[in-house]
Amino acid sequence: MESIRTPSRQELNLIKLLVHKAARILPLNWESDLKVRSLQDGGMGSLLLFPKGIFVEDRKFGERISEYHFRDVDGVEVIVSLNFDTKGELFELDVWKTDFSPLSHLPNKLQ
């Protein structure tokens, strides 16, 4: 199991973009103490999110609140979804490279 850590700058920038695009209002300090844990997804880059750095074992997927598409450096489409848990808290950054290959890197410039 991967350890809980602070998100990288690129990961946080992507999460911020998805929060901005979401049709949900999050607390102003949502990114304060945000921690993440990499998921075993074949290297695509999905993350389990821990708001306020608090690990809660039995959380479950609630709903997708935002989505972003981009192409990896090899031209393969990547779909990134930001998900809430059943209590309306940030839950997961789901990264799916449509050919299931490992992600080369997150985009530097987000639109």
PDB file of N, CA and C in Angstrom:
ATOM      1  N   MET A   1       0.838  -1.174   0.000  1.00  0.00           N
ATOM      2  CA  MET A   1       0.000   0.000   0.000  1.00  0.00           C
ATOM      3  C   MET A   1       0.888   1.244   0.000  1.00  0.00           C
ATOM      4  N   GLU A   2       0.540   2.194  -0.851  1.00  0.00           N
ATOM      5  CA  GLU A   2       1.267   3.460  -0.923  1.00  0.00           C
ATOM      6  C   GLU A   2       1.045   4.269   0.351  1.00  0.00           C
ATOM      7  N   SER A   3       1.995   5.125   0.646  1.00  0.00           N
ATOM      8  CA  SER A   3       1.845   5.964   1.829  1.00  0.00           C
ATOM      9  C   SER A   3       1.061   7.235   1.500  1.00  0.00           C
ATOM     10  N   ILE A   4       0.498   7.839   2.535  1.00  0.00           N
ATOM     11  CA  ILE A   4      -0.228   9.093   2.401  1.00  0.00           C
ATOM     12  C   ILE A   4       0.804  10.208   2.319  1.00  0.00           C
ATOM     13  N   ARG A   5       0.575  11.162   1.388  1.00  0.00           N
ATOM     14  CA  ARG A   5       1.553  12.212   1.133  1.00  0.00           C
ATOM     15  C   ARG A   5       0.852  13.501   0.712  1.00  0.00           C
ATOM     16  N   THR A   6       1.626  14.553   0.627  1.00  0.00           N
ATOM     17  CA  THR A   6       1.143  15.818   0.090  1.00  0.00           C
ATOM     18  C   THR A   6       1.109  15.691  -1.436  1.00  0.00           C
ATOM     19  N   PRO A   7       0.076  16.197  -2.105  1.00  0.00           N
ATOM     20  CA  PRO A   7       0.047  16.098  -3.575  1.00  0.00           C
ATOM     21  C   PRO A   7       1.166  16.921  -4.206  1.00  0.00           C
ATOM     22  N   SER A   8       1.646  16.447  -5.348  1.00  0.00           N
ATOM     23  CA  SER A   8       2.653  17.208  -6.096  1.00  0.00           C
ATOM     24  C   SER A   8       2.017  18.496  -6.616  1.00  0.00           C
ATOM     25  N   ARG A   9       2.834  19.419  -7.051  1.00  0.00           N
ATOM     26  CA  ARG A   9       2.333  20.683  -7.597  1.00  0.00           C
ATOM     27  C   ARG A   9       1.406  20.423  -8.783  1.00  0.00           C
ATOM     28  N   GLN A  10       1.810  19.519  -9.690  1.00  0.00           N
ATOM     29  CA  GLN A  10       0.979  19.219 -10.861  1.00  0.00           C
ATOM     30  C   GLN A  10      -0.333  18.555 -10.458  1.00  0.00           C
ATOM     31  N   GLU A  11      -0.282  17.636  -9.505  1.00  0.00           N
ATOM     32  CA  GLU A  11      -1.508  16.989  -9.035  1.00  0.00           C
ATOM     33  C   GLU A  11      -2.448  18.026  -8.417  1.00  0.00           C
ATOM     34  N   LEU A  12      -1.911  18.904  -7.571  1.00  0.00           N
ATOM     35  CA  LEU A  12      -2.732  19.916  -6.928  1.00  0.00           C
ATOM     36  C   LEU A  12      -3.319  20.885  -7.947  1.00  0.00           C
ATOM     37  N   ASN A  13      -2.530  21.278  -8.941  1.00  0.00           N
ATOM     38  CA  ASN A  13      -3.053  22.166  -9.987  1.00  0.00           C
ATOM     39  C   ASN A  13      -4.207  21.519 -10.745  1.00  0.00           C
ATOM     40  N   LEU A  14      -4.100  20.236 -11.021  1.00  0.00           N
ATOM     41  CA  LEU A  14      -5.178  19.519 -11.713  1.00  0.00           C
ATOM     42  C   LEU A  14      -6.420  19.434 -10.817  1.00  0.00           C
ATOM     43  N   ILE A  15      -6.239  19.137  -9.548  1.00  0.00           N
ATOM     44  CA  ILE A  15      -7.367  19.080  -8.621  1.00  0.00           C
ATOM     45  C   ILE A  15      -8.027  20.458  -8.524  1.00  0.00           C
ATOM     46  N   LYS A  16      -7.223  21.520  -8.455  1.00  0.00           N
ATOM     47  CA  LYS A  16      -7.773  22.884  -8.392  1.00  0.00           C
ATOM     48  C   LYS A  16      -8.616  23.189  -9.625  1.00  0.00           C
ATOM     49  N   LEU A  17      -8.128  22.811 -10.806  1.00  0.00           N
ATOM     50  CA  LEU A  17      -8.887  23.033 -12.032  1.00  0.00           C
ATOM     51  C   LEU A  17     -10.232  22.311 -11.968  1.00  0.00           C
ATOM     52  N   LEU A  18     -10.213  21.069 -11.534  1.00  0.00           N
ATOM     53  CA  LEU A  18     -11.447  20.289 -11.458  1.00  0.00           C
ATOM     54  C   LEU A  18     -12.404  20.846 -10.409  1.00  0.00           C
ATOM     55  N   VAL A  19     -11.878  21.342  -9.300  1.00  0.00           N
ATOM     56  CA  VAL A  19     -12.732  21.980  -8.292  1.00  0.00           C
ATOM     57  C   VAL A  19     -13.372  23.227  -8.885  1.00  0.00           C
ATOM     58  N   HIS A  20     -12.581  24.003  -9.622  1.00  0.00           N
ATOM     59  CA  HIS A  20     -13.096  25.221 -10.254  1.00  0.00           C
ATOM     60  C   HIS A  20     -14.207  24.904 -11.259  1.00  0.00           C
ATOM     61  N   LYS A  21     -14.063  23.799 -11.998  1.00  0.00           N
ATOM     62  CA  LYS A  21     -15.043  23.407 -13.007  1.00  0.00           C
ATOM     63  C   LYS A  21     -16.287  22.754 -12.398  1.00  0.00           C
ATOM     64  N   ALA A  22     -16.190  22.327 -11.149  1.00  0.00           N
ATOM     65  CA  ALA A  22     -17.282  21.575 -10.517  1.00  0.00           C
ATOM     66  C   ALA A  22     -18.499  22.456 -10.265  1.00  0.00           C
ATOM     67  N   ALA A  23     -19.640  21.833 -10.280  1.00  0.00           N
ATOM     68  CA  ALA A  23     -20.890  22.525  -9.972  1.00  0.00           C
ATOM     69  C   ALA A  23     -21.197  22.382  -8.480  1.00  0.00           C
ATOM     70  N   ARG A  24     -20.164  22.330  -7.671  1.00  0.00           N
ATOM     71  CA  ARG A  24     -20.292  22.206  -6.224  1.00  0.00           C
ATOM     72  C   ARG A  24     -19.442  23.277  -5.560  1.00  0.00           C
ATOM     73  N   ILE A  25     -19.855  23.688  -4.394  1.00  0.00           N
ATOM     74  CA  ILE A  25     -19.092  24.661  -3.616  1.00  0.00           C
ATOM     75  C   ILE A  25     -18.341  23.903  -2.531  1.00  0.00           C
ATOM     76  N   LEU A  26     -17.045  24.100  -2.484  1.00  0.00           N
ATOM     77  CA  LEU A  26     -16.224  23.506  -1.442  1.00  0.00           C
ATOM     78  C   LEU A  26     -15.825  24.595  -0.452  1.00  0.00           C
ATOM     79  N   PRO A  27     -15.476  24.211   0.763  1.00  0.00           N
ATOM     80  CA  PRO A  27     -15.007  25.215   1.720  1.00  0.00           C
ATOM     81  C   PRO A  27     -13.807  25.971   1.149  1.00  0.00           C
ATOM     82  N   LEU A  28     -13.661  27.240   1.518  1.00  0.00           N
ATOM     83  CA  LEU A  28     -12.564  28.052   1.001  1.00  0.00           C
ATOM     84  C   LEU A  28     -11.202  27.429   1.255  1.00  0.00           C
ATOM     85  N   ASN A  29     -11.047  26.705   2.327  1.00  0.00           N
ATOM     86  CA  ASN A  29      -9.755  26.121   2.694  1.00  0.00           C
ATOM     87  C   ASN A  29      -9.645  24.638   2.322  1.00  0.00           C
ATOM     88  N   TRP A  30     -10.363  24.199   1.305  1.00  0.00           N
ATOM     89  CA  TRP A  30     -10.408  22.774   0.958  1.00  0.00           C
ATOM     90  C   TRP A  30      -9.033  22.180   0.701  1.00  0.00           C
ATOM     91  N   GLU A  31      -8.104  22.987   0.185  1.00  0.00           N
ATOM     92  CA  GLU A  31      -6.784  22.426  -0.140  1.00  0.00           C
ATOM     93  C   GLU A  31      -5.827  22.425   1.047  1.00  0.00           C
ATOM     94  N   SER A  32      -6.223  23.081   2.132  1.00  0.00           N
ATOM     95  CA  SER A  32      -5.403  23.125   3.334  1.00  0.00           C
ATOM     96  C   SER A  32      -5.263  21.719   3.910  1.00  0.00           C
ATOM     97  N   ASP A  33      -4.045  21.272   4.038  1.00  0.00           N
ATOM     98  CA  ASP A  33      -3.736  19.946   4.604  1.00  0.00           C
ATOM     99  C   ASP A  33      -4.261  18.784   3.772  1.00  0.00           C
ATOM    100  N   LEU A  34      -4.616  19.014   2.491  1.00  0.00           N
ATOM    101  CA  LEU A  34      -5.045  17.910   1.631  1.00  0.00           C
ATOM    102  C   LEU A  34      -3.904  16.905   1.489  1.00  0.00           C
ATOM    103  N   LYS A  35      -4.215  15.648   1.693  1.00  0.00           N
ATOM    104  CA  LYS A  35      -3.257  14.566   1.510  1.00  0.00           C
ATOM    105  C   LYS A  35      -3.819  13.610   0.466  1.00  0.00           C
ATOM    106  N   VAL A  36      -2.927  12.837  -0.145  1.00  0.00           N
ATOM    107  CA  VAL A  36      -3.322  11.897  -1.182  1.00  0.00           C
ATOM    108  C   VAL A  36      -2.594  10.575  -0.985  1.00  0.00           C
ATOM    109  N   ARG A  37      -3.128   9.548  -1.609  1.00  0.00           N
ATOM    110  CA  ARG A  37      -2.457   8.253  -1.685  1.00  0.00           C
ATOM    111  C   ARG A  37      -2.656   7.726  -3.091  1.00  0.00           C
ATOM    112  N   SER A  38      -1.581   7.320  -3.727  1.00  0.00           N
ATOM    113  CA  SER A  38      -1.674   6.755  -5.073  1.00  0.00           C
ATOM    114  C   SER A  38      -2.447   5.447  -5.033  1.00  0.00           C
ATOM    115  N   LEU A  39      -3.273   5.249  -6.059  1.00  0.00           N
ATOM    116  CA  LEU A  39      -4.029   4.008  -6.189  1.00  0.00           C
ATOM    117  C   LEU A  39      -3.306   3.074  -7.145  1.00  0.00           C
ATOM    118  N   GLN A  40      -3.490   1.791  -6.952  1.00  0.00           N
ATOM    119  CA  GLN A  40      -2.893   0.803  -7.843  1.00  0.00           C
ATOM    120  C   GLN A  40      -3.780   0.701  -9.083  1.00  0.00           C
ATOM    121  N   ASP A  41      -3.374   1.462 -10.112  1.00  0.00           N
ATOM    122  CA  ASP A  41      -4.181   1.530 -11.335  1.00  0.00           C
ATOM    123  C   ASP A  41      -3.338   1.317 -12.580  1.00  0.00           C
ATOM    124  N   GLY A  42      -2.242   0.623 -12.441  1.00  0.00           N
ATOM    125  CA  GLY A  42      -1.387   0.357 -13.589  1.00  0.00           C
ATOM    126  C   GLY A  42      -0.551   1.554 -14.007  1.00  0.00           C
ATOM    127  N   GLY A  43      -0.367   2.518 -13.104  1.00  0.00           N
ATOM    128  CA  GLY A  43       0.475   3.667 -13.410  1.00  0.00           C
ATOM    129  C   GLY A  43      -0.241   4.817 -14.089  1.00  0.00           C
ATOM    130  N   MET A  44      -1.582   4.821 -14.060  1.00  0.00           N
ATOM    131  CA  MET A  44      -2.323   5.907 -14.712  1.00  0.00           C
ATOM    132  C   MET A  44      -2.379   7.164 -13.858  1.00  0.00           C
ATOM    133  N   GLY A  45      -2.135   7.068 -12.546  1.00  0.00           N
ATOM    134  CA  GLY A  45      -2.025   8.256 -11.712  1.00  0.00           C
ATOM    135  C   GLY A  45      -3.215   8.597 -10.833  1.00  0.00           C
ATOM    136  N   SER A  46      -4.143   7.673 -10.645  1.00  0.00           N
ATOM    137  CA  SER A  46      -5.300   7.948  -9.788  1.00  0.00           C
ATOM    138  C   SER A  46      -4.875   8.116  -8.338  1.00  0.00           C
ATOM    139  N   LEU A  47      -5.630   8.973  -7.615  1.00  0.00           N
ATOM    140  CA  LEU A  47      -5.312   9.284  -6.225  1.00  0.00           C
ATOM    141  C   LEU A  47      -6.545   9.181  -5.348  1.00  0.00           C
ATOM    142  N   LEU A  48      -6.372   8.645  -4.164  1.00  0.00           N
ATOM    143  CA  LEU A  48      -7.381   8.733  -3.125  1.00  0.00           C
ATOM    144  C   LEU A  48      -7.093  10.024  -2.376  1.00  0.00           C
ATOM    145  N   LEU A  49      -8.117  10.828  -2.109  1.00  0.00           N
ATOM    146  CA  LEU A  49      -7.946  12.149  -1.504  1.00  0.00           C
ATOM    147  C   LEU A  49      -8.388  12.135  -0.044  1.00  0.00           C
ATOM    148  N   PHE A  50      -7.617  12.827   0.791  1.00  0.00           N
ATOM    149  CA  PHE A  50      -7.914  12.915   2.216  1.00  0.00           C
ATOM    150  C   PHE A  50      -8.000  14.380   2.622  1.00  0.00           C
ATOM    151  N   PRO A  51      -9.227  14.957   2.587  1.00  0.00           N
ATOM    152  CA  PRO A  51      -9.391  16.345   3.008  1.00  0.00           C
ATOM    153  C   PRO A  51      -8.926  16.522   4.455  1.00  0.00           C
ATOM    154  N   LYS A  52      -8.265  17.641   4.715  1.00  0.00           N
ATOM    155  CA  LYS A  52      -7.740  17.978   6.044  1.00  0.00           C
ATOM    156  C   LYS A  52      -6.735  16.939   6.530  1.00  0.00           C
ATOM    157  N   GLY A  53      -6.212  16.107   5.623  1.00  0.00           N
ATOM    158  CA  GLY A  53      -5.210  15.111   5.977  1.00  0.00           C
ATOM    159  C   GLY A  53      -5.727  13.973   6.825  1.00  0.00           C
ATOM    160  N   ILE A  54      -7.052  13.828   6.899  1.00  0.00           N
ATOM    161  CA  ILE A  54      -7.646  12.816   7.779  1.00  0.00           C
ATOM    162  C   ILE A  54      -7.955  11.550   6.983  1.00  0.00           C
ATOM    163  N   PHE A  55      -7.344  10.439   7.409  1.00  0.00           N
ATOM    164  CA  PHE A  55      -7.578   9.145   6.777  1.00  0.00           C
ATOM    165  C   PHE A  55      -8.828   8.511   7.374  1.00  0.00           C
ATOM    166  N   VAL A  56      -9.799   8.237   6.519  1.00  0.00           N
ATOM    167  CA  VAL A  56     -11.020   7.541   6.940  1.00  0.00           C
ATOM    168  C   VAL A  56     -11.121   6.278   6.091  1.00  0.00           C
ATOM    169  N   GLU A  57     -11.108   5.136   6.747  1.00  0.00           N
ATOM    170  CA  GLU A  57     -11.018   3.847   6.065  1.00  0.00           C
ATOM    171  C   GLU A  57     -12.227   3.478   5.218  1.00  0.00           C
ATOM    172  N   ASP A  58     -13.427   3.683   5.706  1.00  0.00           N
ATOM    173  CA  ASP A  58     -14.611   3.098   5.064  1.00  0.00           C
ATOM    174  C   ASP A  58     -15.384   4.052   4.160  1.00  0.00           C
ATOM    175  N   ARG A  59     -14.725   5.069   3.602  1.00  0.00           N
ATOM    176  CA  ARG A  59     -15.436   5.979   2.692  1.00  0.00           C
ATOM    177  C   ARG A  59     -15.775   5.269   1.392  1.00  0.00           C
ATOM    178  N   LYS A  60     -16.851   5.728   0.771  1.00  0.00           N
ATOM    179  CA  LYS A  60     -17.300   5.121  -0.488  1.00  0.00           C
ATOM    180  C   LYS A  60     -17.582   6.200  -1.518  1.00  0.00           C
ATOM    181  N   PHE A  61     -17.431   5.829  -2.789  1.00  0.00           N
ATOM    182  CA  PHE A  61     -17.723   6.727  -3.903  1.00  0.00           C
ATOM    183  C   PHE A  61     -19.156   7.223  -3.810  1.00  0.00           C
ATOM    184  N   GLY A  62     -19.322   8.542  -4.025  1.00  0.00           N
ATOM    185  CA  GLY A  62     -20.650   9.132  -4.040  1.00  0.00           C
ATOM    186  C   GLY A  62     -21.050   9.589  -5.426  1.00  0.00           C
ATOM    187  N   GLU A  63     -20.266  10.538  -5.995  1.00  0.00           N
ATOM    188  CA  GLU A  63     -20.592  11.039  -7.332  1.00  0.00           C
ATOM    189  C   GLU A  63     -19.389  11.739  -7.970  1.00  0.00           C
ATOM    190  N   ARG A  64     -19.412  11.765  -9.297  1.00  0.00           N
ATOM    191  CA  ARG A  64     -18.406  12.525 -10.047  1.00  0.00           C
ATOM    192  C   ARG A  64     -18.875  13.977 -10.070  1.00  0.00           C
ATOM    193  N   ILE A  65     -17.970  14.900  -9.714  1.00  0.00           N
ATOM    194  CA  ILE A  65     -18.370  16.309  -9.691  1.00  0.00           C
ATOM    195  C   ILE A  65     -17.725  17.119 -10.808  1.00  0.00           C
ATOM    196  N   SER A  66     -16.709  16.574 -11.459  1.00  0.00           N
ATOM    197  CA  SER A  66     -16.031  17.329 -12.506  1.00  0.00           C
ATOM    198  C   SER A  66     -15.187  16.377 -13.349  1.00  0.00           C
ATOM    199  N   GLU A  67     -14.906  16.812 -14.579  1.00  0.00           N
ATOM    200  CA  GLU A  67     -14.131  15.968 -15.495  1.00  0.00           C
ATOM    201  C   GLU A  67     -13.255  16.842 -16.386  1.00  0.00           C
ATOM    202  N   TYR A  68     -12.113  16.306 -16.783  1.00  0.00           N
ATOM    203  CA  TYR A  68     -11.170  17.012 -17.652  1.00  0.00           C
ATOM    204  C   TYR A  68     -10.548  15.987 -18.601  1.00  0.00           C
ATOM    205  N   HIS A  69     -10.368  16.379 -19.867  1.00  0.00           N
ATOM    206  CA  HIS A  69      -9.764  15.503 -20.876  1.00  0.00           C
ATOM    207  C   HIS A  69      -8.483  16.150 -21.395  1.00  0.00           C
ATOM    208  N   PHE A  70      -7.480  15.331 -21.660  1.00  0.00           N
ATOM    209  CA  PHE A  70      -6.262  15.798 -22.328  1.00  0.00           C
ATOM    210  C   PHE A  70      -5.620  14.612 -23.030  1.00  0.00           C
ATOM    211  N   ARG A  71      -4.626  14.893 -23.830  1.00  0.00           N
ATOM    212  CA  ARG A  71      -3.876  13.825 -24.514  1.00  0.00           C
ATOM    213  C   ARG A  71      -2.506  13.700 -23.881  1.00  0.00           C
ATOM    214  N   ASP A  72      -2.110  12.463 -23.614  1.00  0.00           N
ATOM    215  CA  ASP A  72      -0.775  12.198 -23.092  1.00  0.00           C
ATOM    216  C   ASP A  72       0.236  12.433 -24.216  1.00  0.00           C
ATOM    217  N   VAL A  73       1.503  12.433 -23.901  1.00  0.00           N
ATOM    218  CA  VAL A  73       2.526  12.721 -24.911  1.00  0.00           C
ATOM    219  C   VAL A  73       2.511  11.733 -26.072  1.00  0.00           C
ATOM    220  N   ASP A  74       1.965  10.528 -25.863  1.00  0.00           N
ATOM    221  CA  ASP A  74       1.877   9.541 -26.942  1.00  0.00           C
ATOM    222  C   ASP A  74       0.586   9.691 -27.759  1.00  0.00           C
ATOM    223  N   GLY A  75      -0.206  10.724 -27.452  1.00  0.00           N
ATOM    224  CA  GLY A  75      -1.417  10.991 -28.208  1.00  0.00           C
ATOM    225  C   GLY A  75      -2.671  10.279 -27.707  1.00  0.00           C
ATOM    226  N   VAL A  76      -2.531   9.460 -26.683  1.00  0.00           N
ATOM    227  CA  VAL A  76      -3.676   8.715 -26.162  1.00  0.00           C
ATOM    228  C   VAL A  76      -4.497   9.626 -25.238  1.00  0.00           C
ATOM    229  N   GLU A  77      -5.826   9.596 -25.402  1.00  0.00           N
ATOM    230  CA  GLU A  77      -6.704  10.425 -24.587  1.00  0.00           C
ATOM    231  C   GLU A  77      -6.698   9.968 -23.129  1.00  0.00           C
ATOM    232  N   VAL A  78      -6.714  10.958 -22.234  1.00  0.00           N
ATOM    233  CA  VAL A  78      -6.773  10.715 -20.797  1.00  0.00           C
ATOM    234  C   VAL A  78      -8.002  11.444 -20.259  1.00  0.00           C
ATOM    235  N   ILE A  79      -8.783  10.749 -19.458  1.00  0.00           N
ATOM    236  CA  ILE A  79      -9.966  11.335 -18.830  1.00  0.00           C
ATOM    237  C   ILE A  79      -9.728  11.344 -17.328  1.00  0.00           C
ATOM    238  N   VAL A  80      -9.848  12.531 -16.736  1.00  0.00           N
ATOM    239  CA  VAL A  80      -9.640  12.693 -15.300  1.00  0.00           C
ATOM    240  C   VAL A  80     -10.952  13.131 -14.675  1.00  0.00           C
ATOM    241  N   SER A  81     -11.374  12.430 -13.636  1.00  0.00           N
ATOM    242  CA  SER A  81     -12.612  12.761 -12.933  1.00  0.00           C
ATOM    243  C   SER A  81     -12.300  13.069 -11.477  1.00  0.00           C
ATOM    244  N   LEU A  82     -12.975  14.077 -10.946  1.00  0.00           N
ATOM    245  CA  LEU A  82     -12.886  14.390  -9.529  1.00  0.00           C
ATOM    246  C   LEU A  82     -14.168  13.893  -8.881  1.00  0.00           C
ATOM    247  N   ASN A  83     -14.014  13.073  -7.847  1.00  0.00           N
ATOM    248  CA  ASN A  83     -15.163  12.425  -7.222  1.00  0.00           C
ATOM    249  C   ASN A  83     -15.319  12.815  -5.760  1.00  0.00           C
ATOM    250  N   PHE A  84     -16.575  12.882  -5.333  1.00  0.00           N
ATOM    251  CA  PHE A  84     -16.945  13.061  -3.929  1.00  0.00           C
ATOM    252  C   PHE A  84     -17.259  11.699  -3.331  1.00  0.00           C
ATOM    253  N   ASP A  85     -17.169  11.605  -2.011  1.00  0.00           N
ATOM    254  CA  ASP A  85     -17.659  10.412  -1.321  1.00  0.00           C
ATOM    255  C   ASP A  85     -19.149  10.594  -1.023  1.00  0.00           C
ATOM    256  N   THR A  86     -19.734   9.639  -0.337  1.00  0.00           N
ATOM    257  CA  THR A  86     -21.166   9.690  -0.050  1.00  0.00           C
ATOM    258  C   THR A  86     -21.541  10.798   0.937  1.00  0.00           C
ATOM    259  N   LYS A  87     -20.539  11.394   1.597  1.00  0.00           N
ATOM    260  CA  LYS A  87     -20.803  12.489   2.541  1.00  0.00           C
ATOM    261  C   LYS A  87     -20.520  13.863   1.936  1.00  0.00           C
ATOM    262  N   GLY A  88     -20.209  13.908   0.620  1.00  0.00           N
ATOM    263  CA  GLY A  88     -19.960  15.176  -0.047  1.00  0.00           C
ATOM    264  C   GLY A  88     -18.575  15.745   0.177  1.00  0.00           C
ATOM    265  N   GLU A  89     -17.615  14.888   0.505  1.00  0.00           N
ATOM    266  CA  GLU A  89     -16.221  15.300   0.697  1.00  0.00           C
ATOM    267  C   GLU A  89     -15.399  14.840  -0.510  1.00  0.00           C
ATOM    268  N   LEU A  90     -14.297  15.555  -0.793  1.00  0.00           N
ATOM    269  CA  LEU A  90     -13.395  15.098  -1.843  1.00  0.00           C
ATOM    270  C   LEU A  90     -12.982  13.664  -1.551  1.00  0.00           C
ATOM    271  N   PHE A  91     -13.029  12.812  -2.583  1.00  0.00           N
ATOM    272  CA  PHE A  91     -12.795  11.391  -2.398  1.00  0.00           C
ATOM    273  C   PHE A  91     -11.675  10.850  -3.286  1.00  0.00           C
ATOM    274  N   GLU A  92     -11.708  11.201  -4.577  1.00  0.00           N
ATOM    275  CA  GLU A  92     -10.790  10.537  -5.495  1.00  0.00           C
ATOM    276  C   GLU A  92     -10.543  11.387  -6.738  1.00  0.00           C
ATOM    277  N   LEU A  93      -9.316  11.340  -7.196  1.00  0.00           N
ATOM    278  CA  LEU A  93      -8.956  11.846  -8.515  1.00  0.00           C
ATOM    279  C   LEU A  93      -8.754  10.597  -9.364  1.00  0.00           C
ATOM    280  N   ASP A  94      -9.712  10.337 -10.243  1.00  0.00           N
ATOM    281  CA  ASP A  94      -9.687   9.121 -11.060  1.00  0.00           C
ATOM    282  C   ASP A  94      -9.083   9.456 -12.416  1.00  0.00           C
ATOM    283  N   VAL A  95      -7.941   8.861 -12.725  1.00  0.00           N
ATOM    284  CA  VAL A  95      -7.248   9.105 -13.983  1.00  0.00           C
ATOM    285  C   VAL A  95      -7.352   7.833 -14.822  1.00  0.00           C
ATOM    286  N   TRP A  96      -7.892   7.982 -16.038  1.00  0.00           N
ATOM    287  CA  TRP A  96      -8.053   6.827 -16.927  1.00  0.00           C
ATOM    288  C   TRP A  96      -7.456   7.152 -18.286  1.00  0.00           C
ATOM    289  N   LYS A  97      -6.357   6.487 -18.588  1.00  0.00           N
ATOM    290  CA  LYS A  97      -5.769   6.579 -19.923  1.00  0.00           C
ATOM    291  C   LYS A  97      -6.496   5.537 -20.755  1.00  0.00           C
ATOM    292  N   THR A  98      -7.129   5.968 -21.832  1.00  0.00           N
ATOM    293  CA  THR A  98      -8.110   5.128 -22.524  1.00  0.00           C
ATOM    294  C   THR A  98      -7.556   3.839 -23.132  1.00  0.00           C
ATOM    295  N   ASP A  99      -6.237   3.702 -23.207  1.00  0.00           N
ATOM    296  CA  ASP A  99      -5.681   2.420 -23.653  1.00  0.00           C
ATOM    297  C   ASP A  99      -5.117   1.627 -22.474  1.00  0.00           C
ATOM    298  N   PHE A 100      -5.351   2.112 -21.253  1.00  0.00           N
ATOM    299  CA  PHE A 100      -4.929   1.470 -20.008  1.00  0.00           C
ATOM    300  C   PHE A 100      -3.412   1.423 -19.802  1.00  0.00           C
ATOM    301  N   SER A 101      -2.660   2.147 -20.602  1.00  0.00           N
ATOM    302  CA  SER A 101      -1.209   2.181 -20.411  1.00  0.00           C
ATOM    303  C   SER A 101      -0.858   3.205 -19.325  1.00  0.00           C
ATOM    304  N   PRO A 102       0.352   3.128 -18.767  1.00  0.00           N
ATOM    305  CA  PRO A 102       0.755   4.099 -17.747  1.00  0.00           C
ATOM    306  C   PRO A 102       0.800   5.519 -18.315  1.00  0.00           C
ATOM    307  N   LEU A 103       0.452   6.472 -17.488  1.00  0.00           N
ATOM    308  CA  LEU A 103       0.484   7.892 -17.862  1.00  0.00           C
ATOM    309  C   LEU A 103       1.927   8.354 -17.905  1.00  0.00           C
ATOM    310  N   SER A 104       2.286   9.086 -18.961  1.00  0.00           N
ATOM    311  CA  SER A 104       3.652   9.631 -19.050  1.00  0.00           C
ATOM    312  C   SER A 104       3.822  10.784 -18.072  1.00  0.00           C
ATOM    313  N   HIS A 105       2.896  11.730 -18.096  1.00  0.00           N
ATOM    314  CA  HIS A 105       2.915  12.822 -17.116  1.00  0.00           C
ATOM    315  C   HIS A 105       1.642  13.627 -17.214  1.00  0.00           C
ATOM    316  N   LEU A 106       1.344  14.326 -16.122  1.00  0.00           N
ATOM    317  CA  LEU A 106       0.202  15.246 -16.126  1.00  0.00           C
ATOM    318  C   LEU A 106       0.551  16.453 -16.965  1.00  0.00           C
ATOM    319  N   PRO A 107      -0.422  17.100 -17.568  1.00  0.00           N
ATOM    320  CA  PRO A 107      -0.118  18.265 -18.411  1.00  0.00           C
ATOM    321  C   PRO A 107       0.421  19.423 -17.574  1.00  0.00           C
ATOM    322  N   ASN A 108       1.371  20.171 -18.148  1.00  0.00           N
ATOM    323  CA  ASN A 108       1.922  21.352 -17.485  1.00  0.00           C
ATOM    324  C   ASN A 108       0.959  22.518 -17.566  1.00  0.00           C
ATOM    325  N   LYS A 109       0.296  22.656 -18.708  1.00  0.00           N
ATOM    326  CA  LYS A 109      -0.648  23.757 -18.918  1.00  0.00           C
ATOM    327  C   LYS A 109      -2.051  23.179 -18.940  1.00  0.00           C
ATOM    328  N   LEU A 110      -2.876  23.711 -18.045  1.00  0.00           N
ATOM    329  CA  LEU A 110      -4.266  23.266 -17.953  1.00  0.00           C
ATOM    330  C   LEU A 110      -5.164  24.349 -18.484  1.00  0.00           C
ATOM    331  N   GLN A 111      -6.209  23.942 -19.191  1.00  0.00           N
ATOM    332  CA  GLN A 111      -7.136  24.917 -19.781  1.00  0.00           C
ATOM    333  C   GLN A 111      -8.511  24.770 -19.197  1.00  0.00           C
TER     334      GLN A 111
END
